[in-house]
PDB file of all heavy atoms in Angstrom:
ATOM      1  N   LEU A   1       3.064  11.520   2.667  1.00  0.00           N
ATOM      2  CA  LEU A   1       2.791  10.263   1.976  1.00  0.00           C
ATOM      3  C   LEU A   1       3.159   9.080   2.869  1.00  0.00           C
ATOM      4  O   LEU A   1       4.203   9.078   3.527  1.00  0.00           O
ATOM      5  CB  LEU A   1       3.632  10.189   0.699  1.00  0.00           C
ATOM      6  CG  LEU A   1       3.709   8.833   0.010  1.00  0.00           C
ATOM      7  CD1 LEU A   1       2.398   8.534  -0.697  1.00  0.00           C
ATOM      8  CD2 LEU A   1       4.860   8.792  -0.970  1.00  0.00           C
ATOM      9  N   VAL A   2       2.298   8.067   2.875  1.00  0.00           N
ATOM     10  CA  VAL A   2       2.629   6.801   3.522  1.00  0.00           C
ATOM     11  C   VAL A   2       2.897   5.756   2.440  1.00  0.00           C
ATOM     12  O   VAL A   2       3.967   5.159   2.393  1.00  0.00           O
ATOM     13  CB  VAL A   2       1.460   6.326   4.429  1.00  0.00           C
ATOM     14  CG1 VAL A   2       1.797   4.943   5.019  1.00  0.00           C
ATOM     15  CG2 VAL A   2       1.207   7.324   5.537  1.00  0.00           C
ATOM     16  N   ALA A   3       1.907   5.554   1.567  1.00  0.00           N
ATOM     17  CA  ALA A   3       2.077   4.562   0.501  1.00  0.00           C
ATOM     18  C   ALA A   3       1.021   4.811  -0.572  1.00  0.00           C
ATOM     19  O   ALA A   3      -0.065   5.290  -0.270  1.00  0.00           O
ATOM     20  CB  ALA A   3       1.949   3.139   1.043  1.00  0.00           C
ATOM     21  N   THR A   4       1.378   4.506  -1.799  1.00  0.00           N
ATOM     22  CA  THR A   4       0.406   4.567  -2.901  1.00  0.00           C
ATOM     23  C   THR A   4       0.495   3.311  -3.744  1.00  0.00           C
ATOM     24  O   THR A   4       1.523   2.602  -3.723  1.00  0.00           O
ATOM     25  CB  THR A   4       0.654   5.781  -3.791  1.00  0.00           C
ATOM     26  OG1 THR A   4       1.950   5.669  -4.400  1.00  0.00           O
ATOM     27  CG2 THR A   4       0.563   7.082  -3.032  1.00  0.00           C
ATOM     28  N   ILE A   5      -0.540   3.028  -4.481  1.00  0.00           N
ATOM     29  CA  ILE A   5      -0.601   1.878  -5.371  1.00  0.00           C
ATOM     30  C   ILE A   5      -1.402   2.229  -6.602  1.00  0.00           C
ATOM     31  O   ILE A   5      -2.456   2.859  -6.506  1.00  0.00           O
ATOM     32  CB  ILE A   5      -1.198   0.650  -4.643  1.00  0.00           C
ATOM     33  CG1 ILE A   5      -1.144  -0.582  -5.538  1.00  0.00           C
ATOM     34  CG2 ILE A   5      -2.598   0.916  -4.111  1.00  0.00           C
ATOM     35  CD1 ILE A   5      -1.428  -1.898  -4.793  1.00  0.00           C
ATOM     36  N   THR A   6      -0.869   1.873  -7.774  1.00  0.00           N
ATOM     37  CA  THR A   6      -1.578   2.168  -9.011  1.00  0.00           C
ATOM     38  C   THR A   6      -2.567   1.052  -9.301  1.00  0.00           C
ATOM     39  O   THR A   6      -2.602   0.000  -8.639  1.00  0.00           O
ATOM     40  CB  THR A   6      -0.597   2.271 -10.175  1.00  0.00           C
ATOM     41  OG1 THR A   6      -0.006   0.965 -10.404  1.00  0.00           O
ATOM     42  CG2 THR A   6       0.518   3.268  -9.877  1.00  0.00           C
ATOM     43  N   ARG A   7      -3.360   1.286 -10.324  1.00  0.00           N
ATOM     44  CA  ARG A   7      -4.359   0.266 -10.729  1.00  0.00           C
ATOM     45  C   ARG A   7      -3.650  -1.017 -11.164  1.00  0.00           C
ATOM     46  O   ARG A   7      -4.199  -2.110 -11.040  1.00  0.00           O
ATOM     47  CB  ARG A   7      -5.216   0.829 -11.846  1.00  0.00           C
ATOM     48  CG  ARG A   7      -6.479   0.036 -12.102  1.00  0.00           C
ATOM     49  CD  ARG A   7      -7.525   0.891 -12.830  1.00  0.00           C
ATOM     50  NE  ARG A   7      -6.963   1.677 -13.903  1.00  0.00           N
ATOM     51  CZ  ARG A   7      -7.561   2.725 -14.450  1.00  0.00           C
ATOM     52  NH1 ARG A   7      -8.711   3.154 -13.975  1.00  0.00           N
ATOM     53  NH2 ARG A   7      -7.000   3.383 -15.446  1.00  0.00           N
ATOM     54  N   ASP A   8      -2.413  -0.866 -11.659  1.00  0.00           N
ATOM     55  CA  ASP A   8      -1.661  -2.057 -12.109  1.00  0.00           C
ATOM     56  C   ASP A   8      -0.850  -2.711 -11.003  1.00  0.00           C
ATOM     57  O   ASP A   8      -0.180  -3.691 -11.248  1.00  0.00           O
ATOM     58  CB  ASP A   8      -0.705  -1.646 -13.245  1.00  0.00           C
ATOM     59  CG  ASP A   8      -1.433  -1.157 -14.461  1.00  0.00           C
ATOM     60  OD1 ASP A   8      -2.585  -1.588 -14.661  1.00  0.00           O
ATOM     61  OD2 ASP A   8      -0.897  -0.320 -15.203  1.00  0.00           O
ATOM     62  N   GLY A   9      -0.891  -2.117  -9.818  1.00  0.00           N
ATOM     63  CA  GLY A   9      -0.238  -2.749  -8.672  1.00  0.00           C
ATOM     64  C   GLY A   9       1.134  -2.229  -8.335  1.00  0.00           C
ATOM     65  O   GLY A   9       1.769  -2.723  -7.401  1.00  0.00           O
ATOM     66  N   SER A  10       1.610  -1.187  -9.015  1.00  0.00           N
ATOM     67  CA  SER A  10       2.895  -0.600  -8.657  1.00  0.00           C
ATOM     68  C   SER A  10       2.740   0.195  -7.372  1.00  0.00           C
ATOM     69  O   SER A  10       1.776   0.932  -7.195  1.00  0.00           O
ATOM     70  CB  SER A  10       3.380   0.316  -9.787  1.00  0.00           C
ATOM     71  OG  SER A  10       3.605  -0.414 -10.949  1.00  0.00           O
ATOM     72  N   THR A  11       3.717   0.022  -6.482  1.00  0.00           N
ATOM     73  CA  THR A  11       3.615   0.646  -5.163  1.00  0.00           C
ATOM     74  C   THR A  11       4.746   1.602  -4.890  1.00  0.00           C
ATOM     75  O   THR A  11       5.861   1.500  -5.452  1.00  0.00           O
ATOM     76  CB  THR A  11       3.610  -0.437  -4.056  1.00  0.00           C
ATOM     77  OG1 THR A  11       4.805  -1.204  -4.167  1.00  0.00           O
ATOM     78  CG2 THR A  11       2.399  -1.337  -4.180  1.00  0.00           C
ATOM     79  N   THR A  12       4.460   2.560  -4.010  1.00  0.00           N
ATOM     80  CA  THR A  12       5.470   3.528  -3.507  1.00  0.00           C
ATOM     81  C   THR A  12       5.275   3.590  -1.993  1.00  0.00           C
ATOM     82  O   THR A  12       4.143   3.643  -1.514  1.00  0.00           O
ATOM     83  CB  THR A  12       5.252   4.918  -4.105  1.00  0.00           C
ATOM     84  OG1 THR A  12       5.336   4.831  -5.530  1.00  0.00           O
ATOM     85  CG2 THR A  12       6.298   5.891  -3.588  1.00  0.00           C
ATOM     86  N   TYR A  13       6.389   3.609  -1.272  1.00  0.00           N
ATOM     87  CA  TYR A  13       6.319   3.672   0.200  1.00  0.00           C
ATOM     88  C   TYR A  13       7.237   4.760   0.724  1.00  0.00           C
ATOM     89  O   TYR A  13       8.306   5.011   0.165  1.00  0.00           O
ATOM     90  CB  TYR A  13       6.794   2.339   0.826  1.00  0.00           C
ATOM     91  CG  TYR A  13       5.864   1.168   0.585  1.00  0.00           C
ATOM     92  CD1 TYR A  13       6.084   0.284  -0.467  1.00  0.00           C
ATOM     93  CD2 TYR A  13       4.784   0.967   1.419  1.00  0.00           C
ATOM     94  CE1 TYR A  13       5.249  -0.819  -0.668  1.00  0.00           C
ATOM     95  CE2 TYR A  13       3.934  -0.118   1.221  1.00  0.00           C
ATOM     96  CZ  TYR A  13       4.176  -0.983   0.179  1.00  0.00           C
ATOM     97  OH  TYR A  13       3.330  -2.063  -0.005  1.00  0.00           O
ATOM     98  N   ALA A  14       6.821   5.382   1.803  1.00  0.00           N
ATOM     99  CA  ALA A  14       7.688   6.281   2.529  1.00  0.00           C
ATOM    100  C   ALA A  14       8.793   5.469   3.198  1.00  0.00           C
ATOM    101  O   ALA A  14       8.556   4.329   3.654  1.00  0.00           O
ATOM    102  CB  ALA A  14       6.895   7.060   3.577  1.00  0.00           C
ATOM    103  N   ASP A  15       9.983   6.046   3.284  1.00  0.00           N
ATOM    104  CA  ASP A  15      11.104   5.305   3.881  1.00  0.00           C
ATOM    105  C   ASP A  15      10.809   4.914   5.327  1.00  0.00           C
ATOM    106  O   ASP A  15      11.253   3.877   5.793  1.00  0.00           O
ATOM    107  CB  ASP A  15      12.381   6.172   3.819  1.00  0.00           C
ATOM    108  CG  ASP A  15      12.920   6.272   2.409  1.00  0.00           C
ATOM    109  OD1 ASP A  15      12.582   5.432   1.544  1.00  0.00           O
ATOM    110  OD2 ASP A  15      13.704   7.225   2.160  1.00  0.00           O
ATOM    111  N   SER A  16      10.077   5.767   6.026  1.00  0.00           N
ATOM    112  CA  SER A  16       9.849   5.538   7.468  1.00  0.00           C
ATOM    113  C   SER A  16       8.994   4.317   7.752  1.00  0.00           C
ATOM    114  O   SER A  16       8.985   3.813   8.886  1.00  0.00           O
ATOM    115  CB  SER A  16       9.199   6.765   8.091  1.00  0.00           C
ATOM    116  OG  SER A  16       7.960   7.006   7.472  1.00  0.00           O
ATOM    117  N   ILE A  17       8.291   3.821   6.775  1.00  0.00           N
ATOM    118  CA  ILE A  17       7.375   2.669   7.017  1.00  0.00           C
ATOM    119  C   ILE A  17       7.697   1.459   6.158  1.00  0.00           C
ATOM    120  O   ILE A  17       6.995   0.450   6.243  1.00  0.00           O
ATOM    121  CB  ILE A  17       5.904   3.089   6.856  1.00  0.00           C
ATOM    122  CG1 ILE A  17       5.642   3.686   5.463  1.00  0.00           C
ATOM    123  CG2 ILE A  17       5.504   4.094   7.923  1.00  0.00           C
ATOM    124  CD1 ILE A  17       5.323   2.684   4.400  1.00  0.00           C
ATOM    125  N   LYS A  18       8.726   1.546   5.344  1.00  0.00           N
ATOM    126  CA  LYS A  18       9.101   0.410   4.532  1.00  0.00           C
ATOM    127  C   LYS A  18       9.376  -0.805   5.409  1.00  0.00           C
ATOM    128  O   LYS A  18       9.962  -0.671   6.478  1.00  0.00           O
ATOM    129  CB  LYS A  18      10.329   0.720   3.671  1.00  0.00           C
ATOM    130  CG  LYS A  18       9.999   1.477   2.407  1.00  0.00           C
ATOM    131  CD  LYS A  18      11.258   1.720   1.594  1.00  0.00           C
ATOM    132  CE  LYS A  18      10.924   2.471   0.294  1.00  0.00           C
ATOM    133  NZ  LYS A  18      12.143   2.771  -0.488  1.00  0.00           N
ATOM    134  N   ASP A  19       8.981  -1.970   4.957  1.00  0.00           N
ATOM    135  CA  ASP A  19       9.187  -3.233   5.647  1.00  0.00           C
ATOM    136  C   ASP A  19       8.272  -3.418   6.861  1.00  0.00           C
ATOM    137  O   ASP A  19       8.340  -4.426   7.533  1.00  0.00           O
ATOM    138  CB  ASP A  19      10.653  -3.434   6.113  1.00  0.00           C
ATOM    139  CG  ASP A  19      11.631  -3.384   4.930  1.00  0.00           C
ATOM    140  OD1 ASP A  19      11.277  -3.915   3.869  1.00  0.00           O
ATOM    141  OD2 ASP A  19      12.715  -2.845   5.118  1.00  0.00           O
ATOM    142  N   ARG A  20       7.446  -2.397   7.147  1.00  0.00           N
ATOM    143  CA  ARG A  20       6.478  -2.545   8.261  1.00  0.00           C
ATOM    144  C   ARG A  20       5.043  -2.450   7.752  1.00  0.00           C
ATOM    145  O   ARG A  20       4.123  -2.984   8.379  1.00  0.00           O
ATOM    146  CB  ARG A  20       6.721  -1.456   9.308  1.00  0.00           C
ATOM    147  CG  ARG A  20       8.071  -1.548   9.997  1.00  0.00           C
ATOM    148  CD  ARG A  20       8.130  -0.608  11.202  1.00  0.00           C
ATOM    149  NE  ARG A  20       7.981   0.775  10.853  1.00  0.00           N
ATOM    150  CZ  ARG A  20       7.015   1.566  11.315  1.00  0.00           C
ATOM    151  NH1 ARG A  20       6.107   1.097  12.158  1.00  0.00           N
ATOM    152  NH2 ARG A  20       6.964   2.839  10.953  1.00  0.00           N
ATOM    153  N   PHE A  21       4.815  -1.741   6.652  1.00  0.00           N
ATOM    154  CA  PHE A  21       3.484  -1.545   6.101  1.00  0.00           C
ATOM    155  C   PHE A  21       3.415  -2.140   4.713  1.00  0.00           C
ATOM    156  O   PHE A  21       4.402  -2.097   3.964  1.00  0.00           O
ATOM    157  CB  PHE A  21       3.141  -0.041   6.002  1.00  0.00           C
ATOM    158  CG  PHE A  21       3.007   0.702   7.304  1.00  0.00           C
ATOM    159  CD1 PHE A  21       3.319   0.136   8.521  1.00  0.00           C
ATOM    160  CD2 PHE A  21       2.550   2.015   7.282  1.00  0.00           C
ATOM    161  CE1 PHE A  21       3.198   0.836   9.701  1.00  0.00           C
ATOM    162  CE2 PHE A  21       2.433   2.743   8.446  1.00  0.00           C
ATOM    163  CZ  PHE A  21       2.757   2.160   9.664  1.00  0.00           C
ATOM    164  N   ILE A  22       2.254  -2.659   4.367  1.00  0.00           N
ATOM    165  CA  ILE A  22       2.023  -3.116   3.006  1.00  0.00           C
ATOM    166  C   ILE A  22       0.710  -2.557   2.516  1.00  0.00           C
ATOM    167  O   ILE A  22      -0.314  -2.640   3.197  1.00  0.00           O
ATOM    168  CB  ILE A  22       2.004  -4.656   2.913  1.00  0.00           C
ATOM    169  CG1 ILE A  22       3.403  -5.225   3.157  1.00  0.00           C
ATOM    170  CG2 ILE A  22       1.492  -5.106   1.535  1.00  0.00           C
ATOM    171  CD1 ILE A  22       3.477  -6.726   3.080  1.00  0.00           C
ATOM    172  N   ILE A  23       0.726  -2.006   1.299  1.00  0.00           N
ATOM    173  CA  ILE A  23      -0.490  -1.473   0.685  1.00  0.00           C
ATOM    174  C   ILE A  23      -0.952  -2.449  -0.376  1.00  0.00           C
ATOM    175  O   ILE A  23      -0.142  -3.085  -1.079  1.00  0.00           O
ATOM    176  CB  ILE A  23      -0.256  -0.060   0.079  1.00  0.00           C
ATOM    177  CG1 ILE A  23      -1.565   0.568  -0.348  1.00  0.00           C
ATOM    178  CG2 ILE A  23       0.752  -0.116  -1.081  1.00  0.00           C
ATOM    179  CD1 ILE A  23      -1.435   2.054  -0.719  1.00  0.00           C
ATOM    180  N   SER A  24      -2.260  -2.596  -0.497  1.00  0.00           N
ATOM    181  CA  SER A  24      -2.805  -3.503  -1.508  1.00  0.00           C
ATOM    182  C   SER A  24      -4.169  -2.976  -1.967  1.00  0.00           C
ATOM    183  O   SER A  24      -4.777  -2.158  -1.283  1.00  0.00           O
ATOM    184  CB  SER A  24      -2.918  -4.932  -0.966  1.00  0.00           C
ATOM    185  OG  SER A  24      -3.772  -4.980   0.171  1.00  0.00           O
ATOM    186  N   ARG A  25      -4.609  -3.492  -3.099  1.00  0.00           N
ATOM    187  CA  ARG A  25      -5.937  -3.172  -3.579  1.00  0.00           C
ATOM    188  C   ARG A  25      -6.716  -4.436  -3.728  1.00  0.00           C
ATOM    189  O   ARG A  25      -6.164  -5.507  -4.068  1.00  0.00           O
ATOM    190  CB  ARG A  25      -5.846  -2.431  -4.935  1.00  0.00           C
ATOM    191  CG  ARG A  25      -5.308  -1.033  -4.796  1.00  0.00           C
ATOM    192  CD  ARG A  25      -5.145  -0.316  -6.104  1.00  0.00           C
ATOM    193  NE  ARG A  25      -6.410   0.096  -6.704  1.00  0.00           N
ATOM    194  CZ  ARG A  25      -6.525   1.111  -7.572  1.00  0.00           C
ATOM    195  NH1 ARG A  25      -5.435   1.783  -7.906  1.00  0.00           N
ATOM    196  NH2 ARG A  25      -7.690   1.424  -8.092  1.00  0.00           N
ATOM    197  N   GLY A  26      -7.998  -4.362  -3.523  1.00  0.00           N
ATOM    198  CA  GLY A  26      -8.798  -5.570  -3.590  1.00  0.00           C
ATOM    199  C   GLY A  26     -10.139  -5.312  -4.216  1.00  0.00           C
ATOM    200  O   GLY A  26     -10.432  -4.219  -4.697  1.00  0.00           O
ATOM    201  N   GLY A  27     -10.967  -6.353  -4.189  1.00  0.00           N
ATOM    202  CA  GLY A  27     -12.290  -6.271  -4.769  1.00  0.00           C
ATOM    203  C   GLY A  27     -12.187  -5.904  -6.236  1.00  0.00           C
ATOM    204  O   GLY A  27     -11.361  -6.427  -6.969  1.00  0.00           O
ATOM    205  N   PRO A  28     -12.995  -4.954  -6.701  1.00  0.00           N
ATOM    206  CA  PRO A  28     -12.912  -4.480  -8.081  1.00  0.00           C
ATOM    207  C   PRO A  28     -11.831  -3.418  -8.240  1.00  0.00           C
ATOM    208  O   PRO A  28     -11.923  -2.573  -9.096  1.00  0.00           O
ATOM    209  CB  PRO A  28     -14.297  -3.866  -8.297  1.00  0.00           C
ATOM    210  CG  PRO A  28     -14.700  -3.377  -6.957  1.00  0.00           C
ATOM    211  CD  PRO A  28     -14.099  -4.346  -5.956  1.00  0.00           C
ATOM    212  N   ARG A  29     -10.823  -3.464  -7.400  1.00  0.00           N
ATOM    213  CA  ARG A  29      -9.684  -2.546  -7.394  1.00  0.00           C
ATOM    214  C   ARG A  29     -10.102  -1.134  -7.044  1.00  0.00           C
ATOM    215  O   ARG A  29      -9.419  -0.173  -7.379  1.00  0.00           O
ATOM    216  CB  ARG A  29      -8.914  -2.587  -8.724  1.00  0.00           C
ATOM    217  CG  ARG A  29      -8.175  -3.899  -8.875  1.00  0.00           C
ATOM    218  CD  ARG A  29      -7.360  -3.935 -10.142  1.00  0.00           C
ATOM    219  NE  ARG A  29      -8.193  -4.054 -11.324  1.00  0.00           N
ATOM    220  CZ  ARG A  29      -7.712  -4.173 -12.558  1.00  0.00           C
ATOM    221  NH1 ARG A  29      -6.434  -4.188 -12.759  1.00  0.00           N
ATOM    222  NH2 ARG A  29      -8.535  -4.285 -13.580  1.00  0.00           N
ATOM    223  N   SER A  30     -11.256  -0.989  -6.370  1.00  0.00           N
ATOM    224  CA  SER A  30     -11.667   0.297  -5.845  1.00  0.00           C
ATOM    225  C   SER A  30     -11.595   0.338  -4.352  1.00  0.00           C
ATOM    226  O   SER A  30     -12.150   1.224  -3.702  1.00  0.00           O
ATOM    227  CB  SER A  30     -13.090   0.638  -6.323  1.00  0.00           C
ATOM    228  OG  SER A  30     -13.110   0.837  -7.706  1.00  0.00           O
ATOM    229  N   THR A  31     -10.962  -0.663  -3.754  1.00  0.00           N
ATOM    230  CA  THR A  31     -10.720  -0.714  -2.334  1.00  0.00           C
ATOM    231  C   THR A  31      -9.226  -0.799  -2.094  1.00  0.00           C
ATOM    232  O   THR A  31      -8.535  -1.554  -2.784  1.00  0.00           O
ATOM    233  CB  THR A  31     -11.411  -1.925  -1.676  1.00  0.00           C
ATOM    234  OG1 THR A  31     -12.826  -1.867  -1.949  1.00  0.00           O
ATOM    235  CG2 THR A  31     -11.210  -1.922  -0.172  1.00  0.00           C
ATOM    236  N   VAL A  32      -8.734  -0.011  -1.157  1.00  0.00           N
ATOM    237  CA  VAL A  32      -7.316  -0.038  -0.844  1.00  0.00           C
ATOM    238  C   VAL A  32      -7.137  -0.354   0.627  1.00  0.00           C
ATOM    239  O   VAL A  32      -7.949   0.083   1.466  1.00  0.00           O
ATOM    240  CB  VAL A  32      -6.631   1.307  -1.209  1.00  0.00           C
ATOM    241  CG1 VAL A  32      -7.175   2.469  -0.379  1.00  0.00           C
ATOM    242  CG2 VAL A  32      -5.135   1.199  -1.079  1.00  0.00           C
ATOM    243  N   TYR A  33      -6.119  -1.142   0.917  1.00  0.00           N
ATOM    244  CA  TYR A  33      -5.842  -1.564   2.285  1.00  0.00           C
ATOM    245  C   TYR A  33      -4.440  -1.136   2.678  1.00  0.00           C
ATOM    246  O   TYR A  33      -3.551  -1.043   1.831  1.00  0.00           O
ATOM    247  CB  TYR A  33      -5.945  -3.082   2.405  1.00  0.00           C
ATOM    248  CG  TYR A  33      -7.253  -3.673   1.957  1.00  0.00           C
ATOM    249  CD1 TYR A  33      -7.394  -4.207   0.665  1.00  0.00           C
ATOM    250  CD2 TYR A  33      -8.358  -3.667   2.794  1.00  0.00           C
ATOM    251  CE1 TYR A  33      -8.587  -4.732   0.250  1.00  0.00           C
ATOM    252  CE2 TYR A  33      -9.567  -4.196   2.375  1.00  0.00           C
ATOM    253  CZ  TYR A  33      -9.677  -4.724   1.111  1.00  0.00           C
ATOM    254  OH  TYR A  33     -10.873  -5.234   0.684  1.00  0.00           O
ATOM    255  N   LEU A  34      -4.268  -0.893   3.957  1.00  0.00           N
ATOM    256  CA  LEU A  34      -2.937  -0.642   4.496  1.00  0.00           C
ATOM    257  C   LEU A  34      -2.770  -1.566   5.714  1.00  0.00           C
ATOM    258  O   LEU A  34      -3.382  -1.330   6.748  1.00  0.00           O
ATOM    259  CB  LEU A  34      -2.760   0.825   4.904  1.00  0.00           C
ATOM    260  CG  LEU A  34      -1.344   1.202   5.339  1.00  0.00           C
ATOM    261  CD1 LEU A  34      -0.400   1.142   4.131  1.00  0.00           C
ATOM    262  CD2 LEU A  34      -1.342   2.609   5.955  1.00  0.00           C
ATOM    263  N   GLN A  35      -1.950  -2.561   5.541  1.00  0.00           N
ATOM    264  CA  GLN A  35      -1.631  -3.483   6.657  1.00  0.00           C
ATOM    265  C   GLN A  35      -0.385  -2.954   7.335  1.00  0.00           C
ATOM    266  O   GLN A  35       0.634  -2.780   6.683  1.00  0.00           O
ATOM    267  CB  GLN A  35      -1.412  -4.903   6.157  1.00  0.00           C
ATOM    268  CG  GLN A  35      -1.042  -5.887   7.229  1.00  0.00           C
ATOM    269  CD  GLN A  35      -2.170  -6.113   8.218  1.00  0.00           C
ATOM    270  OE1 GLN A  35      -3.293  -6.460   7.823  1.00  0.00           O
ATOM    271  NE2 GLN A  35      -1.898  -5.937   9.494  1.00  0.00           N
ATOM    272  N   MET A  36      -0.508  -2.722   8.643  1.00  0.00           N
ATOM    273  CA  MET A  36       0.593  -2.132   9.381  1.00  0.00           C
ATOM    274  C   MET A  36       1.032  -3.083  10.487  1.00  0.00           C
ATOM    275  O   MET A  36       0.197  -3.602  11.242  1.00  0.00           O
ATOM    276  CB  MET A  36       0.136  -0.791  10.012  1.00  0.00           C
ATOM    277  CG  MET A  36      -0.424   0.189   8.978  1.00  0.00           C
ATOM    278  SD  MET A  36      -0.909   1.785   9.678  1.00  0.00           S
ATOM    279  CE  MET A  36      -2.404   1.322  10.551  1.00  0.00           C
ATOM    280  N   TRP A  37       2.332  -3.316  10.580  1.00  0.00           N
ATOM    281  CA  TRP A  37       2.919  -4.160  11.621  1.00  0.00           C
ATOM    282  C   TRP A  37       3.974  -3.332  12.382  1.00  0.00           C
ATOM    283  O   TRP A  37       4.412  -2.298  11.942  1.00  0.00           O
ATOM    284  CB  TRP A  37       3.629  -5.386  11.000  1.00  0.00           C
ATOM    285  CG  TRP A  37       2.757  -6.394  10.387  1.00  0.00           C
ATOM    286  CD1 TRP A  37       2.010  -7.353  11.017  1.00  0.00           C
ATOM    287  CD2 TRP A  37       2.499  -6.576   8.995  1.00  0.00           C
ATOM    288  NE1 TRP A  37       1.336  -8.103  10.102  1.00  0.00           N
ATOM    289  CE2 TRP A  37       1.649  -7.679   8.842  1.00  0.00           C
ATOM    290  CE3 TRP A  37       2.951  -5.922   7.845  1.00  0.00           C
ATOM    291  CZ2 TRP A  37       1.189  -8.136   7.605  1.00  0.00           C
ATOM    292  CZ3 TRP A  37       2.527  -6.367   6.617  1.00  0.00           C
ATOM    293  CH2 TRP A  37       1.660  -7.472   6.496  1.00  0.00           C
ATOM    294  N   SER A  38       4.372  -3.881  13.514  1.00  0.00           N
ATOM    295  CA  SER A  38       5.462  -3.259  14.299  1.00  0.00           C
ATOM    296  C   SER A  38       5.211  -1.768  14.464  1.00  0.00           C
ATOM    297  O   SER A  38       6.121  -0.942  14.270  1.00  0.00           O
ATOM    298  CB  SER A  38       6.796  -3.518  13.629  1.00  0.00           C
ATOM    299  OG  SER A  38       7.049  -4.889  13.496  1.00  0.00           O
TER     300      SER A  38
END
């Protein structure tokens, strides 16, 4: 697991990527993004 997000926006992250990756949903909430830094 890296990260998950529910339809309501609740997120879960693996410890190894916390504070470096952000997961989001967009459009009609059928698109998911993973923004990765560092």
